[in-house]
C-alpha cells in the first residue's frame, strides 16, 4: 500500500491517465453551474474522442462553472488504470462500462476521505489520535483498492460516518488550542450572510451553507471547512491561515483576491486574479 502522506499527488485528479469518467459517469442539471442537462452515464457533449474537454479553456465563459470547481481527488485515474486495468469505457461491453460509471463515484468518496485523513495526520494537535487516523487511512486505502464487485457492494455511507466521527475529534483537538472564538456553526444556514470583517477564528463551519456569503476581510484563521458550501462566497482579503479540511474545489467555487491569505497546501484560483 502506498503511503499517501508521502505521495499526496495520488489524491489529485490526473486527467491524462483517466478516460474522462467525470464527464460521463456524473449527471448535471442546467443551472448557474452547467449550461445543459446531462444524464449519468451519458458523455458530455464537450468530451472529445481523446477524452479531453473541447472547451476546457473556456468552461466559465460557456456556462460550465461546475466543471471548473470539480476534483475527483485522484479517483479517475485509479478507476481507469487500476480498478479496470486501463480499459476504456468506449471499447468495453456496455455492462462493463456501466459498472465503471457506478464504481467511480464510490472511489471518489473514498479518495476524498483519504484526503481528509492525510491532512489530519499533518495537524500537530491531532497527535494523540494519530494511531486511529493511520488505522482508518489504511482501511480506506484498502477499500479503494477493491475489485469492481467489492466496490459496488460497499456501504460507503457507513464508512464515511466512521471517518467523520474521528475527524470531529481532530477538529475539536485542533480548534481547542486556538485563541479567540471557537463557536460551532456546523450545518448553519449562512447563505448570503453579511460577515464582512467577522471574527471567525477557530469556528467549525462543517457542512455550513455559505453560498454568496460576504466574508470580505473575515478572520477565518484555524476554522474548519469540512463539507462547507462556498459557492460564490466572497473571500476577498479574508485570512484563512491555518484553516483546515478546506479543499481546492471549495476555493475554486468561491471568489477571492490577491489579498486573501490561504493555507500553504492550496493554490490561489486563477479566476480570482482574472477578476481584478
Protein backbone atom coordinates (compact mmCIF):
# COMPACT_ATOMS: atom_id res chain seq x y z
CA UNK A 1 0.00 0.00 0.00
CA UNK A 2 1.41 3.39 -0.96
CA UNK A 3 1.88 5.93 1.82
CA UNK A 4 -0.38 8.80 0.83
CA UNK A 5 1.20 11.03 3.47
CA UNK A 6 4.32 10.82 1.31
CA UNK A 7 2.52 10.72 -2.04
CA UNK A 8 -0.21 13.39 -1.89
CA UNK A 9 -0.13 13.68 -5.70
CA UNK A 10 -2.14 10.46 -5.75
CA UNK A 11 -5.07 12.47 -4.39
CA UNK A 12 -5.16 15.00 -7.22
CA UNK A 13 -7.03 14.45 -10.46
CA UNK A 14 -4.78 13.36 -13.35
CA UNK A 15 -6.90 13.73 -16.46
CA UNK A 16 -4.13 12.43 -18.72
CA UNK A 17 -4.49 9.00 -17.08
CA UNK A 18 -8.28 8.95 -16.93
CA UNK A 19 -10.88 8.15 -19.56
CA UNK A 20 -12.95 11.25 -18.86
CA UNK A 21 -15.02 9.45 -16.24
CA UNK A 22 -16.34 12.58 -14.53
CA UNK A 23 -17.54 13.79 -17.94
CA UNK A 24 -19.57 10.62 -18.45
CA UNK A 25 -20.48 8.98 -15.16
CA UNK A 26 -21.89 12.03 -13.37
CA UNK A 27 -25.20 13.78 -14.11
CA UNK A 28 -25.73 17.52 -14.11
CA UNK A 29 -28.69 19.85 -14.42
CA UNK A 30 -28.94 23.09 -16.38
CA UNK A 31 -28.27 25.81 -13.84
CA UNK A 32 -25.79 28.52 -12.93
CA UNK A 33 -23.16 25.76 -12.82
CA UNK A 34 -24.00 23.91 -16.03
CA UNK A 35 -25.30 25.16 -19.35
CA UNK A 36 -27.26 21.99 -20.18
CA UNK A 37 -28.79 18.86 -18.67
CA UNK A 38 -26.87 15.59 -18.82
CA UNK A 39 -27.84 12.15 -17.55
CA UNK A 40 -25.49 9.88 -15.61
CA UNK A 41 -23.65 7.55 -17.98
CA UNK A 42 -24.07 9.87 -20.95
CA UNK A 43 -20.93 11.57 -22.33
CA UNK A 44 -20.85 15.35 -22.05
CA UNK A 45 -21.29 16.97 -25.45
CA UNK A 46 -17.91 18.66 -24.99
CA UNK A 47 -15.98 15.42 -24.43
CA UNK A 48 -13.67 14.63 -27.34
CA UNK A 49 -12.59 11.23 -28.64
CA UNK A 50 -9.26 11.58 -26.81
CA UNK A 51 -11.16 12.01 -23.51
CA UNK A 52 -10.22 15.69 -23.28
CA UNK A 53 -12.63 18.58 -22.88
CA UNK A 54 -13.13 20.52 -26.09
CA UNK A 55 -13.83 23.78 -24.25
CA UNK A 56 -11.52 23.36 -21.26
CA UNK A 57 -10.03 26.85 -21.65
CA UNK A 58 -13.49 28.42 -21.99
CA UNK A 59 -15.57 26.48 -19.46
CA UNK A 60 -16.64 29.51 -17.42
CA UNK A 61 -17.45 31.55 -20.50
CA UNK A 62 -19.53 28.67 -21.88
CA UNK A 63 -21.56 28.27 -18.68
CA UNK A 64 -19.81 25.23 -17.18
CA UNK A 65 -18.59 26.73 -13.91
CA UNK A 66 -19.36 23.45 -12.15
CA UNK A 67 -16.66 21.68 -14.14
CA UNK A 68 -14.02 24.21 -13.10
CA UNK A 69 -14.58 23.57 -9.39
CA UNK A 70 -14.77 19.78 -9.54
CA UNK A 71 -11.92 17.49 -8.47
CA UNK A 72 -12.10 13.70 -8.29
CA UNK A 73 -9.23 13.59 -5.72
CA UNK A 74 -7.45 11.10 -7.97
CA UNK A 75 -10.34 8.65 -8.25
CA UNK A 76 -10.50 8.97 -12.03
CA UNK A 77 -7.04 7.63 -12.72
CA UNK A 78 -7.41 4.89 -10.09
CA UNK A 79 -10.65 3.57 -11.58
CA UNK A 80 -9.32 3.91 -15.14
CA UNK A 81 -5.86 2.46 -14.68
CA UNK A 82 -6.09 0.25 -11.59
CA UNK A 83 -9.63 -0.89 -10.83
CA UNK A 84 -10.37 -1.61 -14.50
CA UNK A 85 -6.78 -2.17 -15.66
CA UNK A 86 -6.64 0.51 -18.34
CA UNK A 87 -9.87 -0.49 -20.07
CA UNK A 88 -11.59 2.30 -21.98
CA UNK A 89 -15.34 2.56 -21.43
CA UNK A 90 -15.72 3.29 -25.15
CA UNK A 91 -14.37 -0.11 -26.16
CA UNK A 92 -15.71 -2.49 -23.48
CA UNK A 93 -19.20 -4.05 -23.40
CA UNK A 94 -21.96 -1.71 -22.24
CA UNK A 95 -22.44 -3.61 -18.98
CA UNK A 96 -18.75 -3.22 -18.13
CA UNK A 97 -18.91 0.49 -18.91
CA UNK A 98 -21.93 0.93 -16.63
CA UNK A 99 -20.07 -0.85 -13.84
CA UNK A 100 -17.18 1.56 -14.32
CA UNK A 101 -19.54 4.54 -14.08
CA UNK A 102 -21.17 3.11 -10.94
CA UNK A 103 -17.83 2.47 -9.22
CA UNK A 104 -16.31 5.88 -9.98
CA UNK A 105 -18.46 7.91 -7.50
CA UNK A 106 -17.73 5.34 -4.77
CA UNK A 107 -13.98 5.60 -5.24
CA UNK A 108 -14.27 9.36 -5.44
CA UNK A 109 -15.83 9.42 -1.97
CA UNK A 110 -13.10 7.14 -0.63
CA UNK A 111 -10.40 9.36 -2.10
CA UNK A 112 -11.98 12.44 -0.55
CA UNK A 113 -11.82 10.67 2.81
CA UNK A 114 -8.18 9.80 2.14
CA UNK A 115 -7.53 13.50 1.55
CA UNK A 116 -9.02 14.49 4.91
CA UNK A 117 -7.29 11.70 6.82
CA UNK A 118 -3.97 12.56 5.21
CA UNK A 119 -4.37 16.22 6.16
CA UNK A 120 -5.40 15.28 9.71
CA UNK A 121 -2.08 13.49 10.15
CA UNK A 122 -0.26 16.76 9.46
CA UNK A 123 -2.05 18.59 12.31
CA UNK A 124 0.12 18.56 15.46
CA UNK A 125 -2.86 18.89 17.80
CA UNK A 126 -4.27 15.60 16.46
CA UNK A 127 -1.17 13.65 17.52
CA UNK A 128 -2.99 11.87 20.40
CA UNK A 129 -5.19 10.09 17.85
CA UNK A 130 -2.65 9.62 15.05
CA UNK A 131 -2.77 5.83 15.54
CA UNK A 132 -6.53 5.83 14.92
CA UNK A 133 -6.09 8.10 11.92
CA UNK A 134 -3.48 5.82 10.40
CA UNK A 135 -5.71 2.81 11.01
CA UNK A 136 -8.60 4.41 9.14
CA UNK A 137 -6.28 5.70 6.45
CA UNK A 138 -5.09 2.15 5.82
CA UNK A 139 -8.65 0.78 5.90
CA UNK A 140 -9.87 3.43 3.45
CA UNK A 141 -7.00 2.78 1.06
CA UNK A 142 -7.69 -0.97 1.20
CA UNK A 143 -11.35 -0.33 0.40
CA UNK A 144 -10.37 1.86 -2.55
CA UNK A 145 -8.17 -0.98 -3.83
CA UNK A 146 -11.18 -3.30 -4.00
CA UNK A 147 -12.42 -5.08 -7.08
CA UNK A 148 -15.32 -3.61 -9.05
CA UNK A 149 -17.64 -6.14 -7.40
CA UNK A 150 -16.40 -5.26 -3.90
CA UNK A 151 -16.73 -1.54 -4.55
CA UNK A 152 -20.26 -1.97 -5.90
CA UNK A 153 -21.29 -3.71 -2.66
CA UNK A 154 -19.52 -1.27 -0.35
CA UNK A 155 -21.62 0.71 2.14
CA UNK A 156 -19.60 3.87 1.63
CA UNK A 157 -22.04 5.88 3.76
CA UNK A 158 -21.29 3.79 6.82
CA UNK A 159 -17.56 4.19 6.27
CA UNK A 160 -17.97 7.96 5.88
CA UNK A 161 -19.70 8.04 9.27
CA UNK A 162 -16.82 6.17 10.90
CA UNK A 163 -14.25 8.51 9.39
CA UNK A 164 -16.40 11.57 10.11
CA UNK A 165 -16.56 10.74 13.82
CA UNK A 166 -12.76 10.63 14.01
CA UNK A 167 -12.41 13.85 12.01
CA UNK A 168 -14.72 15.50 14.55
CA UNK A 169 -12.21 14.61 17.25
CA UNK A 170 -9.45 16.09 15.08
CA UNK A 171 -11.43 19.30 14.73
CA UNK A 172 -12.06 19.61 18.44
CA UNK A 173 -8.42 18.98 19.32
CA UNK A 174 -7.15 21.42 16.71
CA UNK A 175 -9.54 24.26 17.49
CA UNK A 176 -9.18 23.83 21.27
CA UNK A 177 -5.62 25.13 21.06
CA UNK A 178 -6.57 28.32 19.24
CA UNK A 179 -7.00 31.68 20.86
CA UNK A 180 -10.21 33.54 20.12
CA UNK A 181 -13.67 32.32 19.34
CA UNK A 182 -14.42 28.67 18.70
CA UNK A 183 -18.17 28.76 18.11
CA UNK A 184 -19.69 25.70 16.46
CA UNK A 185 -21.60 26.67 13.29
CA UNK A 186 -21.86 23.16 11.89
CA UNK A 187 -24.55 22.93 9.22
CA UNK A 188 -25.53 26.57 9.71
CA UNK A 189 -27.54 28.34 7.01
CA UNK A 190 -25.33 31.33 6.25
CA UNK A 191 -26.37 31.80 2.64
CA UNK A 192 -25.87 35.45 1.70
CA UNK A 193 -24.80 36.26 5.27
CA UNK A 194 -23.09 39.59 5.84
CA UNK A 195 -19.93 38.56 7.64
CA UNK A 196 -17.58 41.26 6.41
CA UNK A 197 -14.66 41.57 8.81
CA UNK A 198 -16.17 38.98 11.17
CA UNK A 199 -14.03 37.29 13.80
CA UNK A 200 -14.46 33.61 12.91
CA UNK A 201 -11.21 32.28 14.34
CA UNK A 202 -11.40 28.59 15.15
CA UNK A 203 -15.05 28.31 14.16
CA UNK A 204 -16.39 24.98 12.94
CA UNK A 205 -18.13 25.60 9.61
CA UNK A 206 -18.51 21.91 8.83
CA UNK A 207 -21.34 21.46 6.35
CA UNK A 208 -22.31 25.14 6.62
CA UNK A 209 -24.11 26.82 3.72
CA UNK A 210 -22.02 29.88 2.84
CA UNK A 211 -23.34 30.37 -0.66
CA UNK A 212 -22.84 34.02 -1.71
CA UNK A 213 -21.86 34.96 1.85
CA UNK A 214 -19.84 38.15 2.26
CA UNK A 215 -16.68 37.10 4.08
CA UNK A 216 -14.64 40.07 2.90
CA UNK A 217 -11.78 40.65 5.31
CA UNK A 218 -13.08 37.99 7.72
CA UNK A 219 -10.68 36.38 10.17
CA UNK A 220 -11.01 32.64 9.46
CA UNK A 221 -7.72 31.54 10.95
CA UNK A 222 -7.89 27.96 12.18
CA UNK A 223 -11.50 27.49 11.04
CA UNK A 224 -12.77 24.09 9.94
CA UNK A 225 -14.38 23.86 6.48
CA UNK A 226 -15.18 20.17 6.00
CA UNK A 227 -18.10 19.99 3.56
CA UNK A 228 -18.84 23.73 3.71
CA UNK A 229 -20.55 25.10 0.59
CA UNK A 230 -18.54 28.14 -0.53
CA UNK A 231 -20.12 28.67 -3.91
CA UNK A 232 -19.83 32.36 -4.83
CA UNK A 233 -18.75 33.23 -1.27
CA UNK A 234 -16.62 36.40 -1.24
CA UNK A 235 -13.29 35.71 0.44
CA UNK A 236 -11.66 38.94 -0.68
CA UNK A 237 -8.85 39.83 1.75
CA UNK A 238 -10.03 37.14 4.19
CA UNK A 239 -7.44 35.38 6.34
CA UNK A 240 -7.65 31.58 6.06
CA UNK A 241 -4.23 30.92 7.58
CA UNK A 242 -4.31 27.56 9.32
CA UNK A 243 -7.83 26.75 8.09
CA UNK A 244 -8.21 23.00 7.75
CA UNK A 245 -10.32 20.46 5.89
CA UNK A 246 -10.56 23.12 3.20
CA UNK A 247 -10.19 21.73 -0.32
CA UNK A 248 -9.19 23.21 -3.65
CA UNK A 249 -12.66 22.64 -5.15
CA UNK A 250 -14.18 24.70 -2.31
CA UNK A 251 -11.78 27.56 -3.01
CA UNK A 252 -12.39 27.28 -6.75
CA UNK A 253 -16.12 27.74 -6.14
CA UNK A 254 -15.57 30.95 -4.16
CA UNK A 255 -14.38 34.43 -5.05
CA UNK A 256 -11.26 36.00 -3.65
CA UNK A 257 -8.32 38.28 -4.27
CA UNK A 258 -4.56 38.58 -4.12
CA UNK A 259 -5.06 39.76 -0.56
CA UNK A 260 -6.76 36.53 0.54
CA UNK A 261 -4.42 34.57 2.83
CA UNK A 262 -4.55 30.83 2.14
CA UNK A 263 -3.23 27.65 3.76
CA UNK A 264 0.09 26.71 2.19
CA UNK A 265 -1.26 23.48 0.71
CA UNK A 266 -3.80 25.24 -1.53
CA UNK A 267 -3.38 27.29 -4.70
CA UNK A 268 -4.96 30.65 -5.45
CA UNK A 269 -7.63 30.02 -8.11
CA UNK A 270 -6.78 31.55 -11.48
CA UNK A 271 -10.17 33.22 -11.82
CA UNK A 272 -9.57 35.24 -8.64
CA UNK A 273 -6.73 37.08 -10.37
CA UNK A 274 -8.76 37.38 -13.56
CA UNK A 275 -11.44 39.29 -11.66
CA UNK A 276 -9.02 42.08 -10.70
